[in-house]
Amino acid sequence: MWFGYDEKKKIMNRGFAGTVAVPAWAYFMKKATEGNAPDWFEMPSDVERISVCRKSGMRAADGCKLAVSEDGRPNVYDDYYLMGTGPYERCTGSHTDPLAGDPMTVPSGVF
């Protein structure tokens, strides 16, 4: 689905995706799936879920779960990769910023 012009031109004042495309897409999907029972999406056999350390980008170690990223989000998140394409090297779990030498924040009450 495309909303816009072929050249750089505003659709409307404050015509962001959330005000133009998302409502139209939601309306379309409601109509297109009307009467269908909700169903779970089965993960393809060639896709794997990997826990990733936000700080290093490597496969998360147990120590990674104790840290919180600089923006307050959990340091570990799950992502999905085609088999053989994900991060396979495991993080050390010792979270020190290599540029600043500052440890990542450990949530209070953990120790």
Protein backbone atom coordinates (compact mmCIF):
# COMPACT_ATOMS: atom_id res chain seq x y z
CA MET A 1 0.00 0.00 0.00
CA TRP A 2 1.44 3.38 -0.98
CA PHE A 3 0.32 6.80 0.19
CA GLY A 4 1.99 9.75 -1.42
CA TYR A 5 3.10 11.35 -4.63
CA ASP A 6 5.78 10.34 -7.11
CA GLU A 7 7.73 13.48 -6.28
CA LYS A 8 8.57 15.06 -2.92
CA LYS A 9 5.30 16.75 -1.97
CA LYS A 10 3.18 16.81 1.19
CA ILE A 11 0.01 14.74 1.14
CA MET A 12 -1.53 17.07 3.70
CA ASN A 13 -0.50 19.15 6.70
CA ARG A 14 0.76 16.75 9.40
CA GLY A 15 0.11 13.82 7.05
CA PHE A 16 2.23 11.30 8.94
CA ALA A 17 1.87 7.53 8.61
CA GLY A 18 -0.15 7.37 11.83
CA THR A 19 -2.71 9.84 10.51
CA VAL A 20 -2.95 8.66 6.90
CA ALA A 21 -1.65 5.16 6.16
CA VAL A 22 -2.22 3.35 9.47
CA PRO A 23 -5.96 4.08 9.74
CA ALA A 24 -6.47 3.09 6.10
CA TRP A 25 -4.46 -0.12 6.55
CA ALA A 26 -6.35 -0.99 9.76
CA TYR A 27 -9.69 -0.45 8.00
CA PHE A 28 -8.57 -2.62 5.08
CA MET A 29 -7.30 -5.43 7.33
CA LYS A 30 -10.48 -5.44 9.44
CA LYS A 31 -12.58 -5.81 6.30
CA ALA A 32 -10.22 -8.32 4.68
CA THR A 33 -10.19 -10.60 7.75
CA GLU A 34 -13.81 -10.12 8.82
CA GLY A 35 -15.25 -13.43 9.96
CA ASN A 36 -11.85 -15.15 10.19
CA ALA A 37 -10.91 -16.68 13.51
CA PRO A 38 -7.67 -15.39 15.04
CA ASP A 39 -4.81 -17.79 14.41
CA TRP A 40 -1.24 -18.04 15.64
CA PHE A 41 1.56 -17.61 13.15
CA GLU A 42 3.77 -20.68 13.06
CA MET A 43 7.44 -19.83 12.95
CA PRO A 44 9.04 -21.25 9.79
CA SER A 45 11.46 -24.13 10.39
CA ASP A 46 14.35 -22.13 8.90
CA VAL A 47 13.97 -19.28 11.43
CA GLU A 48 15.33 -19.27 14.97
CA ARG A 49 14.77 -17.02 17.98
CA ILE A 50 17.97 -15.73 19.60
CA SER A 51 18.38 -13.68 22.78
CA VAL A 52 20.69 -10.78 21.90
CA CYS A 53 22.72 -8.50 24.16
CA ARG A 54 21.78 -4.93 23.25
CA LYS A 55 25.18 -3.63 24.38
CA SER A 56 27.40 -6.00 22.36
CA GLY A 57 25.08 -7.25 19.63
CA MET A 58 26.20 -10.80 20.47
CA ARG A 59 24.24 -13.78 21.73
CA ALA A 60 23.26 -12.90 25.31
CA ALA A 61 25.00 -14.49 28.28
CA ASP A 62 23.41 -14.78 31.73
CA GLY A 63 25.28 -11.66 32.92
CA CYS A 64 23.71 -9.60 30.14
CA LYS A 65 20.29 -9.95 31.76
CA LEU A 66 21.46 -8.05 34.86
CA ALA A 67 22.28 -4.89 32.92
CA VAL A 68 19.99 -2.14 31.70
CA SER A 69 20.84 -0.15 28.59
CA GLU A 70 21.58 3.57 28.75
CA ASP A 71 18.04 4.42 27.64
CA GLY A 72 16.45 2.29 30.38
CA ARG A 73 15.40 -0.62 28.19
CA PRO A 74 16.27 -4.18 29.20
CA ASN A 75 19.70 -5.12 27.88
CA VAL A 76 18.53 -8.44 26.42
CA TYR A 77 15.94 -8.79 23.68
CA ASP A 78 14.78 -11.64 21.47
CA ASP A 79 15.08 -11.37 17.73
CA TYR A 80 14.42 -13.73 14.84
CA TYR A 81 16.99 -14.80 12.26
CA LEU A 82 17.17 -17.12 9.31
CA MET A 83 19.13 -20.18 10.41
CA GLY A 84 22.83 -19.48 10.20
CA THR A 85 22.55 -15.68 10.02
CA GLY A 86 22.16 -14.69 13.67
CA PRO A 87 24.84 -13.73 16.16
CA TYR A 88 26.55 -16.91 17.37
CA GLU A 89 29.45 -15.54 19.37
CA ARG A 90 28.42 -15.33 23.02
CA CYS A 91 28.84 -12.05 24.88
CA THR A 92 31.15 -12.09 27.89
CA GLY A 93 28.43 -10.54 30.03
CA SER A 94 30.85 -7.99 31.50
CA HIS A 95 29.25 -4.77 30.40
CA THR A 96 31.76 -1.99 30.25
CA ASP A 97 31.54 0.65 27.57
CA PRO A 98 34.78 0.12 25.62
CA LEU A 99 34.96 3.85 24.77
CA ALA A 100 34.17 5.33 28.16
CA GLY A 101 35.16 2.51 30.49
CA ASP A 102 31.88 3.00 32.35
CA PRO A 103 29.91 -0.06 33.46
CA MET A 104 26.32 -0.29 32.33
CA THR A 105 23.67 0.41 34.91
CA VAL A 106 22.69 -2.54 37.06
CA PRO A 107 19.13 -2.20 38.38
CA SER A 108 18.87 -1.47 42.09
CA GLY A 109 17.91 -4.41 44.26
CA VAL A 110 19.66 -6.97 42.06
CA PHE A 111 22.51 -7.56 44.53
